[in-house]
C-alpha atoms as a PDB file:
ATOM      1  CA  UNK A   1       7.773  27.704 171.449  1.00  0.00           C
ATOM      2  CA  UNK A   2       7.259  31.465 171.186  1.00  0.00           C
ATOM      3  CA  UNK A   3       6.649  31.190 167.429  1.00  0.00           C
ATOM      4  CA  UNK A   4       4.228  28.323 167.919  1.00  0.00           C
ATOM      5  CA  UNK A   5       2.347  30.301 170.539  1.00  0.00           C
ATOM      6  CA  UNK A   6       2.214  33.336 168.262  1.00  0.00           C
ATOM      7  CA  UNK A   7       0.871  31.270 165.347  1.00  0.00           C
ATOM      8  CA  UNK A   8      -1.702  29.664 167.605  1.00  0.00           C
ATOM      9  CA  UNK A   9      -2.825  33.103 168.773  1.00  0.00           C
ATOM     10  CA  UNK A  10      -3.089  34.407 165.193  1.00  0.00           C
ATOM     11  CA  UNK A  11      -5.028  31.306 164.185  1.00  0.00           C
ATOM     12  CA  UNK A  12      -7.376  31.695 167.118  1.00  0.00           C
ATOM     13  CA  UNK A  13      -8.015  35.365 166.323  1.00  0.00           C
ATOM     14  CA  UNK A  14      -8.724  34.580 162.670  1.00  0.00           C
ATOM     15  CA  UNK A  15     -11.139  31.809 163.651  1.00  0.00           C
ATOM     16  CA  UNK A  16     -12.848  34.039 166.185  1.00  0.00           C
ATOM     17  CA  UNK A  17     -13.149  36.813 163.594  1.00  0.00           C
ATOM     18  CA  UNK A  18     -14.686  34.398 161.063  1.00  0.00           C
ATOM     19  CA  UNK A  19     -17.020  32.992 163.684  1.00  0.00           C
ATOM     20  CA  UNK A  20     -18.157  36.544 164.487  1.00  0.00           C
ATOM     21  CA  UNK A  21     -19.255  37.179 160.893  1.00  0.00           C
ATOM     22  CA  UNK A  22     -22.956  37.071 161.565  1.00  0.00           C
ATOM     23  CA  UNK A  23     -26.010  38.685 160.036  1.00  0.00           C
ATOM     24  CA  UNK A  24     -29.468  38.672 161.588  1.00  0.00           C
ATOM     25  CA  UNK A  25     -32.098  39.184 158.943  1.00  0.00           C
ATOM     26  CA  UNK A  26     -35.817  39.856 159.182  1.00  0.00           C
ATOM     27  CA  UNK A  27     -37.326  38.836 155.844  1.00  0.00           C
ATOM     28  CA  UNK A  28     -40.668  40.048 154.506  1.00  0.00           C
ATOM     29  CA  UNK A  29     -41.187  38.045 151.303  1.00  0.00           C
ATOM     30  CA  UNK A  30     -42.239  34.456 150.622  1.00  0.00           C
ATOM     31  CA  UNK A  31     -40.443  31.829 152.715  1.00  0.00           C
ATOM     32  CA  UNK A  32     -38.766  30.149 149.728  1.00  0.00           C
ATOM     33  CA  UNK A  33     -37.248  33.408 148.481  1.00  0.00           C
ATOM     34  CA  UNK A  34     -36.166  34.325 152.017  1.00  0.00           C
ATOM     35  CA  UNK A  35     -34.354  31.000 152.388  1.00  0.00           C
ATOM     36  CA  UNK A  36     -32.719  31.325 148.977  1.00  0.00           C
ATOM     37  CA  UNK A  37     -31.347  34.768 149.791  1.00  0.00           C
ATOM     38  CA  UNK A  38     -30.032  33.686 153.181  1.00  0.00           C
ATOM     39  CA  UNK A  39     -28.454  30.403 152.090  1.00  0.00           C
ATOM     40  CA  UNK A  40     -26.936  31.804 148.888  1.00  0.00           C
ATOM     41  CA  UNK A  41     -25.355  34.751 150.664  1.00  0.00           C
ATOM     42  CA  UNK A  42     -24.038  32.515 153.427  1.00  0.00           C
ATOM     43  CA  UNK A  43     -22.560  30.091 150.901  1.00  0.00           C
ATOM     44  CA  UNK A  44     -20.906  32.840 148.855  1.00  0.00           C
ATOM     45  CA  UNK A  45     -19.488  34.868 151.744  1.00  0.00           C
ATOM     46  CA  UNK A  46     -19.118  32.553 154.718  1.00  0.00           C
ATOM     47  CA  UNK A  47     -21.286  34.905 156.811  1.00  0.00           C
ATOM     48  CA  UNK A  48     -23.662  33.114 159.180  1.00  0.00           C
ATOM     49  CA  UNK A  49     -27.157  34.339 158.285  1.00  0.00           C
ATOM     50  CA  UNK A  50     -29.901  33.948 160.881  1.00  0.00           C
ATOM     51  CA  UNK A  51     -33.146  34.590 158.986  1.00  0.00           C
ATOM     52  CA  UNK A  52     -36.649  35.018 160.410  1.00  0.00           C
ATOM     53  CA  UNK A  53     -39.605  35.318 158.039  1.00  0.00           C
ATOM     54  CA  UNK A  54     -42.473  37.645 159.003  1.00  0.00           C
ATOM     55  CA  UNK A  55     -45.018  39.859 157.292  1.00  0.00           C
ATOM     56  CA  UNK A  56     -43.993  43.486 156.785  1.00  0.00           C
ATOM     57  CA  UNK A  57     -46.347  44.824 159.451  1.00  0.00           C
ATOM     58  CA  UNK A  58     -45.023  42.296 161.950  1.00  0.00           C
ATOM     59  CA  UNK A  59     -41.425  43.303 161.244  1.00  0.00           C
ATOM     60  CA  UNK A  60     -42.274  46.968 161.655  1.00  0.00           C
ATOM     61  CA  UNK A  61     -43.930  46.223 165.005  1.00  0.00           C
ATOM     62  CA  UNK A  62     -40.946  44.098 166.057  1.00  0.00           C
ATOM     63  CA  UNK A  63     -38.469  46.893 165.261  1.00  0.00           C
ATOM     64  CA  UNK A  64     -40.525  49.339 167.295  1.00  0.00           C
ATOM     65  CA  UNK A  65     -40.599  46.931 170.234  1.00  0.00           C
ATOM     66  CA  UNK A  66     -36.850  46.282 169.976  1.00  0.00           C
ATOM     67  CA  UNK A  67     -35.807  49.904 169.468  1.00  0.00           C
ATOM     68  CA  UNK A  68     -33.898  50.129 172.756  1.00  0.00           C
ATOM     69  CA  UNK A  69     -32.036  46.885 172.055  1.00  0.00           C
ATOM     70  CA  UNK A  70     -32.150  46.006 168.329  1.00  0.00           C
ATOM     71  CA  UNK A  71     -32.075  42.284 167.613  1.00  0.00           C
ATOM     72  CA  UNK A  72     -31.810  42.403 163.805  1.00  0.00           C
ATOM     73  CA  UNK A  73     -29.289  43.875 161.383  1.00  0.00           C
ATOM     74  CA  UNK A  74     -31.146  43.958 158.069  1.00  0.00           C
ATOM     75  CA  UNK A  75     -34.818  44.086 157.077  1.00  0.00           C
ATOM     76  CA  UNK A  76     -35.038  42.665 153.606  1.00  0.00           C
ATOM     77  CA  UNK A  77     -38.273  42.649 151.616  1.00  0.00           C
ATOM     78  CA  UNK A  78     -41.896  43.385 152.293  1.00  0.00           C
ATOM     79  CA  UNK A  79     -44.000  46.300 151.097  1.00  0.00           C
ATOM     80  CA  UNK A  80     -42.312  49.672 151.188  1.00  0.00           C
ATOM     81  CA  UNK A  81     -44.841  51.649 153.244  1.00  0.00           C
ATOM     82  CA  UNK A  82     -43.817  50.085 156.600  1.00  0.00           C
ATOM     83  CA  UNK A  83     -40.157  50.630 155.637  1.00  0.00           C
ATOM     84  CA  UNK A  84     -40.944  54.322 155.135  1.00  0.00           C
ATOM     85  CA  UNK A  85     -42.775  54.440 158.446  1.00  0.00           C
ATOM     86  CA  UNK A  86     -39.796  52.818 160.177  1.00  0.00           C
ATOM     87  CA  UNK A  87     -37.454  55.349 158.539  1.00  0.00           C
ATOM     88  CA  UNK A  88     -39.634  58.221 159.717  1.00  0.00           C
ATOM     89  CA  UNK A  89     -39.434  56.908 163.284  1.00  0.00           C
ATOM     90  CA  UNK A  90     -35.658  56.554 163.198  1.00  0.00           C
ATOM     91  CA  UNK A  91     -35.732  52.762 163.334  1.00  0.00           C
ATOM     92  CA  UNK A  92     -33.492  52.347 160.289  1.00  0.00           C
ATOM     93  CA  UNK A  93     -30.061  53.622 159.290  1.00  0.00           C
ATOM     94  CA  UNK A  94     -29.113  55.942 156.445  1.00  0.00           C
ATOM     95  CA  UNK A  95     -26.990  54.208 153.813  1.00  0.00           C
ATOM     96  CA  UNK A  96     -26.236  55.062 150.185  1.00  0.00           C
ATOM     97  CA  UNK A  97     -25.125  51.959 148.341  1.00  0.00           C
ATOM     98  CA  UNK A  98     -22.712  52.187 145.434  1.00  0.00           C
ATOM     99  CA  UNK A  99     -25.328  50.157 143.526  1.00  0.00           C
ATOM    100  CA  UNK A 100     -27.941  52.974 143.623  1.00  0.00           C
ATOM    101  CA  UNK A 101     -27.180  54.337 140.117  1.00  0.00           C
ATOM    102  CA  UNK A 102     -27.914  50.876 138.674  1.00  0.00           C
ATOM    103  CA  UNK A 103     -31.511  50.955 139.925  1.00  0.00           C
ATOM    104  CA  UNK A 104     -34.721  52.115 138.232  1.00  0.00           C
ATOM    105  CA  UNK A 105     -35.915  55.615 139.101  1.00  0.00           C
ATOM    106  CA  UNK A 106     -38.786  54.286 141.237  1.00  0.00           C
ATOM    107  CA  UNK A 107     -36.314  52.421 143.449  1.00  0.00           C
ATOM    108  CA  UNK A 108     -34.029  55.440 143.776  1.00  0.00           C
ATOM    109  CA  UNK A 109     -37.003  57.681 144.579  1.00  0.00           C
ATOM    110  CA  UNK A 110     -37.997  55.303 147.353  1.00  0.00           C
ATOM    111  CA  UNK A 111     -34.523  55.720 148.842  1.00  0.00           C
ATOM    112  CA  UNK A 112     -34.592  59.510 148.531  1.00  0.00           C
ATOM    113  CA  UNK A 113     -38.107  59.627 150.025  1.00  0.00           C
ATOM    114  CA  UNK A 114     -36.756  57.941 153.161  1.00  0.00           C
ATOM    115  CA  UNK A 115     -33.584  60.052 153.268  1.00  0.00           C
ATOM    116  CA  UNK A 116     -31.734  56.879 152.249  1.00  0.00           C
ATOM    117  CA  UNK A 117     -32.942  54.860 155.212  1.00  0.00           C
ATOM    118  CA  UNK A 118     -34.474  52.339 152.810  1.00  0.00           C
ATOM    119  CA  UNK A 119     -34.266  51.424 149.117  1.00  0.00           C
ATOM    120  CA  UNK A 120     -36.558  49.818 146.532  1.00  0.00           C
ATOM    121  CA  UNK A 121     -35.755  46.219 145.622  1.00  0.00           C
ATOM    122  CA  UNK A 122     -38.827  45.209 143.585  1.00  0.00           C
ATOM    123  CA  UNK A 123     -42.208  46.431 142.362  1.00  0.00           C
ATOM    124  CA  UNK A 124     -45.509  44.553 142.468  1.00  0.00           C
ATOM    125  CA  UNK A 125     -49.086  45.434 141.457  1.00  0.00           C
ATOM    126  CA  UNK A 126     -52.071  44.735 143.700  1.00  0.00           C
ATOM    127  CA  UNK A 127     -55.099  42.779 142.520  1.00  0.00           C
ATOM    128  CA  UNK A 128     -56.930  39.578 143.337  1.00  0.00           C
ATOM    129  CA  UNK A 129     -57.423  36.057 142.101  1.00  0.00           C
ATOM    130  CA  UNK A 130     -60.411  33.775 141.766  1.00  0.00           C
ATOM    131  CA  UNK A 131     -60.985  30.079 141.139  1.00  0.00           C
ATOM    132  CA  UNK A 132     -62.615  29.853 137.708  1.00  0.00           C
ATOM    133  CA  UNK A 133     -63.703  26.219 138.167  1.00  0.00           C
ATOM    134  CA  UNK A 134     -65.594  27.018 141.355  1.00  0.00           C
ATOM    135  CA  UNK A 135     -67.083  30.092 139.725  1.00  0.00           C
ATOM    136  CA  UNK A 136     -68.447  28.061 136.795  1.00  0.00           C
ATOM    137  CA  UNK A 137     -69.875  25.404 139.086  1.00  0.00           C
ATOM    138  CA  UNK A 138     -71.810  28.077 140.944  1.00  0.00           C
ATOM    139  CA  UNK A 139     -72.786  29.818 137.691  1.00  0.00           C
ATOM    140  CA  UNK A 140     -71.400  33.126 138.884  1.00  0.00           C
ATOM    141  CA  UNK A 141     -70.045  35.922 136.731  1.00  0.00           C
ATOM    142  CA  UNK A 142     -66.304  36.493 137.043  1.00  0.00           C
ATOM    143  CA  UNK A 143     -65.438  39.595 139.102  1.00  0.00           C
ATOM    144  CA  UNK A 144     -63.575  42.360 137.306  1.00  0.00           C
ATOM    145  CA  UNK A 145     -63.615  45.309 139.704  1.00  0.00           C
ATOM    146  CA  UNK A 146     -63.173  46.147 143.383  1.00  0.00           C
ATOM    147  CA  UNK A 147     -66.913  46.881 143.481  1.00  0.00           C
ATOM    148  CA  UNK A 148     -67.704  43.294 142.469  1.00  0.00           C
ATOM    149  CA  UNK A 149     -66.195  41.942 145.691  1.00  0.00           C
ATOM    150  CA  UNK A 150     -69.038  43.310 147.840  1.00  0.00           C
ATOM    151  CA  UNK A 151     -71.792  41.591 145.842  1.00  0.00           C
ATOM    152  CA  UNK A 152     -74.019  39.356 148.018  1.00  0.00           C
ATOM    153  CA  UNK A 153     -73.229  36.231 145.958  1.00  0.00           C
ATOM    154  CA  UNK A 154     -69.680  36.359 147.306  1.00  0.00           C
ATOM    155  CA  UNK A 155     -70.724  36.262 150.980  1.00  0.00           C
ATOM    156  CA  UNK A 156     -68.140  34.247 152.913  1.00  0.00           C
ATOM    157  CA  UNK A 157     -66.098  33.690 149.755  1.00  0.00           C
ATOM    158  CA  UNK A 158     -63.379  36.376 149.959  1.00  0.00           C
ATOM    159  CA  UNK A 159     -60.090  36.317 151.832  1.00  0.00           C
ATOM    160  CA  UNK A 160     -57.662  39.156 152.479  1.00  0.00           C
ATOM    161  CA  UNK A 161     -54.917  39.639 155.018  1.00  0.00           C
ATOM    162  CA  UNK A 162     -55.129  41.810 158.110  1.00  0.00           C
ATOM    163  CA  UNK A 163     -53.689  45.273 157.329  1.00  0.00           C
ATOM    164  CA  UNK A 164     -52.220  45.531 160.828  1.00  0.00           C
ATOM    165  CA  UNK A 165     -49.880  42.595 160.147  1.00  0.00           C
ATOM    166  CA  UNK A 166     -49.663  42.456 156.356  1.00  0.00           C
ATOM    167  CA  UNK A 167     -48.060  44.942 154.002  1.00  0.00           C
ATOM    168  CA  UNK A 168     -50.213  43.541 151.188  1.00  0.00           C
ATOM    169  CA  UNK A 169     -53.423  44.323 153.044  1.00  0.00           C
ATOM    170  CA  UNK A 170     -52.130  47.753 154.063  1.00  0.00           C
ATOM    171  CA  UNK A 171     -51.557  48.457 150.361  1.00  0.00           C
ATOM    172  CA  UNK A 172     -55.125  47.310 149.660  1.00  0.00           C
ATOM    173  CA  UNK A 173     -56.500  49.600 152.365  1.00  0.00           C
ATOM    174  CA  UNK A 174     -54.433  52.565 151.163  1.00  0.00           C
ATOM    175  CA  UNK A 175     -55.317  51.854 147.531  1.00  0.00           C
ATOM    176  CA  UNK A 176     -59.076  51.854 148.075  1.00  0.00           C
ATOM    177  CA  UNK A 177     -58.841  55.019 150.194  1.00  0.00           C
ATOM    178  CA  UNK A 178     -57.000  56.729 147.342  1.00  0.00           C
ATOM    179  CA  UNK A 179     -59.484  55.477 144.758  1.00  0.00           C
ATOM    180  CA  UNK A 180     -62.694  56.302 146.632  1.00  0.00           C
ATOM    181  CA  UNK A 181     -61.827  58.801 149.347  1.00  0.00           C
ATOM    182  CA  UNK A 182     -61.596  57.768 152.995  1.00  0.00           C
ATOM    183  CA  UNK A 183     -65.277  57.689 154.010  1.00  0.00           C
ATOM    184  CA  UNK A 184     -66.463  55.863 150.886  1.00  0.00           C
ATOM    185  CA  UNK A 185     -63.533  53.470 151.207  1.00  0.00           C
ATOM    186  CA  UNK A 186     -64.590  52.525 154.728  1.00  0.00           C
ATOM    187  CA  UNK A 187     -68.161  52.044 153.547  1.00  0.00           C
ATOM    188  CA  UNK A 188     -66.695  49.650 150.971  1.00  0.00           C
ATOM    189  CA  UNK A 189     -64.667  47.728 153.580  1.00  0.00           C
ATOM    190  CA  UNK A 190     -67.664  47.458 155.913  1.00  0.00           C
ATOM    191  CA  UNK A 191     -69.626  45.827 153.085  1.00  0.00           C
ATOM    192  CA  UNK A 192     -66.631  43.704 152.092  1.00  0.00           C
ATOM    193  CA  UNK A 193     -66.326  42.513 155.697  1.00  0.00           C
ATOM    194  CA  UNK A 194     -69.652  40.701 155.296  1.00  0.00           C
ATOM    195  CA  UNK A 195     -68.098  38.674 152.474  1.00  0.00           C
ATOM    196  CA  UNK A 196     -64.792  37.941 154.213  1.00  0.00           C
ATOM    197  CA  UNK A 197     -64.220  34.326 155.161  1.00  0.00           C
ATOM    198  CA  UNK A 198     -60.927  35.022 156.948  1.00  0.00           C
ATOM    199  CA  UNK A 199     -58.397  37.781 157.575  1.00  0.00           C
ATOM    200  CA  UNK A 200     -55.046  36.043 157.233  1.00  0.00           C
ATOM    201  CA  UNK A 201     -51.743  37.088 158.804  1.00  0.00           C
ATOM    202  CA  UNK A 202     -49.669  36.862 155.612  1.00  0.00           C
ATOM    203  CA  UNK A 203     -50.480  38.742 152.419  1.00  0.00           C
ATOM    204  CA  UNK A 204     -49.863  35.837 150.025  1.00  0.00           C
ATOM    205  CA  UNK A 205     -52.089  33.429 151.995  1.00  0.00           C
ATOM    206  CA  UNK A 206     -55.388  34.404 150.260  1.00  0.00           C
ATOM    207  CA  UNK A 207     -53.914  33.547 146.843  1.00  0.00           C
ATOM    208  CA  UNK A 208     -52.790  30.172 148.156  1.00  0.00           C
ATOM    209  CA  UNK A 209     -56.251  29.565 149.596  1.00  0.00           C
ATOM    210  CA  UNK A 210     -57.775  30.152 146.144  1.00  0.00           C
ATOM    211  CA  UNK A 211     -55.349  27.656 144.592  1.00  0.00           C
ATOM    212  CA  UNK A 212     -56.274  25.045 147.206  1.00  0.00           C
ATOM    213  CA  UNK A 213     -60.004  25.582 146.714  1.00  0.00           C
ATOM    214  CA  UNK A 214     -60.398  26.892 150.275  1.00  0.00           C
ATOM    215  CA  UNK A 215     -61.895  30.192 149.152  1.00  0.00           C
ATOM    216  CA  UNK A 216     -63.311  31.586 145.919  1.00  0.00           C
ATOM    217  CA  UNK A 217     -61.537  34.969 145.830  1.00  0.00           C
ATOM    218  CA  UNK A 218     -58.281  36.136 147.390  1.00  0.00           C
ATOM    219  CA  UNK A 219     -56.978  39.724 147.510  1.00  0.00           C
ATOM    220  CA  UNK A 220     -53.199  39.685 146.984  1.00  0.00           C
ATOM    221  CA  UNK A 221     -50.383  41.067 144.912  1.00  0.00           C
ATOM    222  CA  UNK A 222     -50.676  39.854 141.351  1.00  0.00           C
ATOM    223  CA  UNK A 223     -47.316  38.082 141.403  1.00  0.00           C
ATOM    224  CA  UNK A 224     -48.607  35.953 144.295  1.00  0.00           C
ATOM    225  CA  UNK A 225     -51.754  35.117 142.326  1.00  0.00           C
ATOM    226  CA  UNK A 226     -49.584  34.157 139.337  1.00  0.00           C
ATOM    227  CA  UNK A 227     -47.604  31.800 141.556  1.00  0.00           C
ATOM    228  CA  UNK A 228     -50.881  30.295 142.787  1.00  0.00           C
ATOM    229  CA  UNK A 229     -51.989  29.836 139.159  1.00  0.00           C
ATOM    230  CA  UNK A 230     -48.864  27.788 138.493  1.00  0.00           C
ATOM    231  CA  UNK A 231     -50.070  25.410 141.183  1.00  0.00           C
ATOM    232  CA  UNK A 232     -53.665  25.429 139.948  1.00  0.00           C
ATOM    233  CA  UNK A 233     -54.432  26.663 136.393  1.00  0.00           C
ATOM    234  CA  UNK A 234     -58.027  27.399 137.434  1.00  0.00           C
ATOM    235  CA  UNK A 235     -56.743  30.453 139.314  1.00  0.00           C
ATOM    236  CA  UNK A 236     -57.201  33.652 137.307  1.00  0.00           C
ATOM    237  CA  UNK A 237     -55.644  37.074 137.951  1.00  0.00           C
ATOM    238  CA  UNK A 238     -57.679  40.275 138.097  1.00  0.00           C
ATOM    239  CA  UNK A 239     -56.428  43.836 137.701  1.00  0.00           C
ATOM    240  CA  UNK A 240     -59.447  45.747 139.096  1.00  0.00           C
ATOM    241  CA  UNK A 241     -61.218  47.915 136.530  1.00  0.00           C
ATOM    242  CA  UNK A 242     -61.238  51.044 138.734  1.00  0.00           C
ATOM    243  CA  UNK A 243     -57.449  50.951 138.959  1.00  0.00           C
ATOM    244  CA  UNK A 244     -55.094  49.542 141.549  1.00  0.00           C
ATOM    245  CA  UNK A 245     -52.155  50.364 143.757  1.00  0.00           C
ATOM    246  CA  UNK A 246     -48.705  48.883 143.829  1.00  0.00           C
ATOM    247  CA  UNK A 247     -45.864  48.269 146.217  1.00  0.00           C
ATOM    248  CA  UNK A 248     -42.202  49.139 146.113  1.00  0.00           C
ATOM    249  CA  UNK A 249     -40.744  46.276 148.110  1.00  0.00           C
ATOM    250  CA  UNK A 250     -37.851  47.611 150.132  1.00  0.00           C
ATOM    251  CA  UNK A 251     -34.761  46.888 152.213  1.00  0.00           C
ATOM    252  CA  UNK A 252     -33.464  48.714 155.295  1.00  0.00           C
ATOM    253  CA  UNK A 253     -30.561  48.522 157.708  1.00  0.00           C
ATOM    254  CA  UNK A 254     -31.725  48.460 161.318  1.00  0.00           C
ATOM    255  CA  UNK A 255     -30.632  51.424 163.445  1.00  0.00           C
ATOM    256  CA  UNK A 256     -28.186  50.213 166.088  1.00  0.00           C
ATOM    257  CA  UNK A 257     -27.521  46.932 164.254  1.00  0.00           C
ATOM    258  CA  UNK A 258     -24.935  44.832 166.075  1.00  0.00           C
ATOM    259  CA  UNK A 259     -23.414  43.718 162.752  1.00  0.00           C
ATOM    260  CA  UNK A 260     -23.773  46.941 160.770  1.00  0.00           C
ATOM    261  CA  UNK A 261     -20.781  46.320 158.482  1.00  0.00           C
ATOM    262  CA  UNK A 262     -22.141  42.921 157.496  1.00  0.00           C
ATOM    263  CA  UNK A 263     -25.575  44.482 156.959  1.00  0.00           C
ATOM    264  CA  UNK A 264     -24.083  47.013 154.518  1.00  0.00           C
ATOM    265  CA  UNK A 265     -22.284  44.281 152.596  1.00  0.00           C
ATOM    266  CA  UNK A 266     -25.509  42.272 152.301  1.00  0.00           C
ATOM    267  CA  UNK A 267     -27.381  45.443 151.270  1.00  0.00           C
ATOM    268  CA  UNK A 268     -24.948  46.037 148.403  1.00  0.00           C
ATOM    269  CA  UNK A 269     -25.114  42.406 147.287  1.00  0.00           C
ATOM    270  CA  UNK A 270     -28.923  42.303 147.440  1.00  0.00           C
ATOM    271  CA  UNK A 271     -29.123  45.125 144.886  1.00  0.00           C
ATOM    272  CA  UNK A 272     -27.073  43.232 142.279  1.00  0.00           C
ATOM    273  CA  UNK A 273     -28.552  41.210 139.399  1.00  0.00           C
ATOM    274  CA  UNK A 274     -26.922  38.058 140.802  1.00  0.00           C
ATOM    275  CA  UNK A 275     -28.964  38.373 143.985  1.00  0.00           C
ATOM    276  CA  UNK A 276     -32.172  39.600 142.363  1.00  0.00           C
ATOM    277  CA  UNK A 277     -32.196  36.686 139.917  1.00  0.00           C
ATOM    278  CA  UNK A 278     -33.005  34.402 142.876  1.00  0.00           C
ATOM    279  CA  UNK A 279     -36.615  35.619 142.901  1.00  0.00           C
ATOM    280  CA  UNK A 280     -38.182  33.827 139.930  1.00  0.00           C
ATOM    281  CA  UNK A 281     -36.739  30.329 140.574  1.00  0.00           C
ATOM    282  CA  UNK A 282     -38.307  30.569 144.024  1.00  0.00           C
ATOM    283  CA  UNK A 283     -41.778  31.510 142.796  1.00  0.00           C
ATOM    284  CA  UNK A 284     -41.575  35.301 143.153  1.00  0.00           C
ATOM    285  CA  UNK A 285     -42.376  37.266 140.002  1.00  0.00           C
ATOM    286  CA  UNK A 286     -41.993  40.914 140.992  1.00  0.00           C
ATOM    287  CA  UNK A 287     -40.281  43.542 138.818  1.00  0.00           C
ATOM    288  CA  UNK A 288     -36.650  43.730 140.069  1.00  0.00           C
ATOM    289  CA  UNK A 289     -35.140  47.134 140.867  1.00  0.00           C
ATOM    290  CA  UNK A 290     -31.762  46.697 139.163  1.00  0.00           C
ATOM    291  CA  UNK A 291     -32.054  47.643 135.478  1.00  0.00           C
ATOM    292  CA  UNK A 292     -29.673  44.835 134.522  1.00  0.00           C
ATOM    293  CA  UNK A 293     -31.750  42.114 136.196  1.00  0.00           C
ATOM    294  CA  UNK A 294     -33.978  40.249 133.712  1.00  0.00           C
ATOM    295  CA  UNK A 295     -37.690  40.685 134.411  1.00  0.00           C
ATOM    296  CA  UNK A 296     -39.289  37.257 134.977  1.00  0.00           C
ATOM    297  CA  UNK A 297     -41.474  36.305 131.990  1.00  0.00           C
ATOM    298  CA  UNK A 298     -44.247  35.470 134.469  1.00  0.00           C
ATOM    299  CA  UNK A 299     -44.266  39.006 135.917  1.00  0.00           C
ATOM    300  CA  UNK A 300     -47.431  41.091 135.398  1.00  0.00           C
ATOM    301  CA  UNK A 301     -47.266  43.454 132.427  1.00  0.00           C
ATOM    302  CA  UNK A 302     -47.516  46.863 134.070  1.00  0.00           C
ATOM    303  CA  UNK A 303     -48.428  48.477 130.745  1.00  0.00           C
ATOM    304  CA  UNK A 304     -51.690  46.527 130.836  1.00  0.00           C
ATOM    305  CA  UNK A 305     -52.562  47.463 134.415  1.00  0.00           C
ATOM    306  CA  UNK A 306     -54.371  50.666 135.386  1.00  0.00           C
ATOM    307  CA  UNK A 307     -52.052  51.820 138.169  1.00  0.00           C
ATOM    308  CA  UNK A 308     -53.032  54.716 140.403  1.00  0.00           C
ATOM    309  CA  UNK A 309     -50.600  57.493 141.301  1.00  0.00           C
ATOM    310  CA  UNK A 310     -49.908  55.904 144.675  1.00  0.00           C
ATOM    311  CA  UNK A 311     -48.979  58.479 147.323  1.00  0.00           C
ATOM    312  CA  UNK A 312     -46.062  56.771 149.041  1.00  0.00           C
ATOM    313  CA  UNK A 313     -45.189  59.835 151.111  1.00  0.00           C
ATOM    314  CA  UNK A 314     -48.654  60.037 152.678  1.00  0.00           C
ATOM    315  CA  UNK A 315     -49.301  56.318 153.135  1.00  0.00           C
ATOM    316  CA  UNK A 316     -45.734  55.750 154.286  1.00  0.00           C
ATOM    317  CA  UNK A 317     -46.465  58.074 157.213  1.00  0.00           C
ATOM    318  CA  UNK A 318     -46.766  56.625 160.721  1.00  0.00           C
ATOM    319  CA  UNK A 319     -49.534  59.086 161.572  1.00  0.00           C
ATOM    320  CA  UNK A 320     -51.679  58.042 158.607  1.00  0.00           C
ATOM    321  CA  UNK A 321     -50.990  54.364 159.258  1.00  0.00           C
ATOM    322  CA  UNK A 322     -52.053  54.627 162.911  1.00  0.00           C
ATOM    323  CA  UNK A 323     -55.209  56.544 162.017  1.00  0.00           C
ATOM    324  CA  UNK A 324     -56.375  54.221 159.220  1.00  0.00           C
ATOM    325  CA  UNK A 325     -55.566  51.010 161.085  1.00  0.00           C
ATOM    326  CA  UNK A 326     -57.479  52.194 164.135  1.00  0.00           C
ATOM    327  CA  UNK A 327     -60.456  53.088 161.981  1.00  0.00           C
ATOM    328  CA  UNK A 328     -60.270  49.712 160.206  1.00  0.00           C
ATOM    329  CA  UNK A 329     -60.206  47.861 163.516  1.00  0.00           C
ATOM    330  CA  UNK A 330     -62.972  49.933 165.116  1.00  0.00           C
ATOM    331  CA  UNK A 331     -65.353  50.247 162.173  1.00  0.00           C
ATOM    332  CA  UNK A 332     -64.666  47.153 160.053  1.00  0.00           C
ATOM    333  CA  UNK A 333     -63.282  44.334 162.181  1.00  0.00           C
ATOM    334  CA  UNK A 334     -65.191  45.248 165.357  1.00  0.00           C
ATOM    335  CA  UNK A 335     -68.020  47.199 163.786  1.00  0.00           C
ATOM    336  CA  UNK A 336     -70.300  44.258 163.283  1.00  0.00           C
END
């Protein structure tokens, strides 16, 4: 009887321990890739993964709101600037993965920049897409530059996301500021606002709208436009002639995570080639951060893109973010 009771107790403890292996994940990439990461990790480890998909700006805002009582363990994906801003505010935890030496320099620099409170997991170049069939029907010249987007013939024909919710749109805002200077950039966005059909919540939505024929031009990361082109070959990708910015998609452990050990294990796994290979089959064609992960053949060729020297330190600052977003809201969205 005593032995039976002891075995029952051991069995109960083991079951309770297994049942307590949970991971709450906020995910900032496309829904399909988010699901693939969550379900694959759960299948391979037995950890129960509770995943919520949001845009990077939304996740950042959620972490700020939940600071006193964190509800998530890991923030995986989404543009790196909000990750840097969260690190600066003490919303994420320092962690140096054993996988760091296997990553490209740009991913390691992202980690060092944040004092190891985040890490780079992929790289993607900004641009836009247009529907070539619609363009021909209207006998319009194909746009090639940022400056083309404010032409009067594109009135009501451009979509971009809202930079307050979308990491993609924040990158667009920061990119144009770096290209033109702040005042000229806001003059550009005021003119662009007249051509905007909709400010979407998610950064990939404008590319999808182009593929569906709902808008003529969509500002998005080029890998999202490439995915849209797979759905509709009339979609063409543009690397703006003036130059363009790029993102270092990132991953962070939430400060005060209730399942911190599980978060660290996921963090390590997510930096491996086995995990990063899940991107392309799920329609995401970014450049992976692990040097041993094959680059998807669909990924944009960075050697053919005029990339700016993006200032991640400055535009990953909470102070700069607050200032530029307020100005965008006041002068562009509400400026008439």
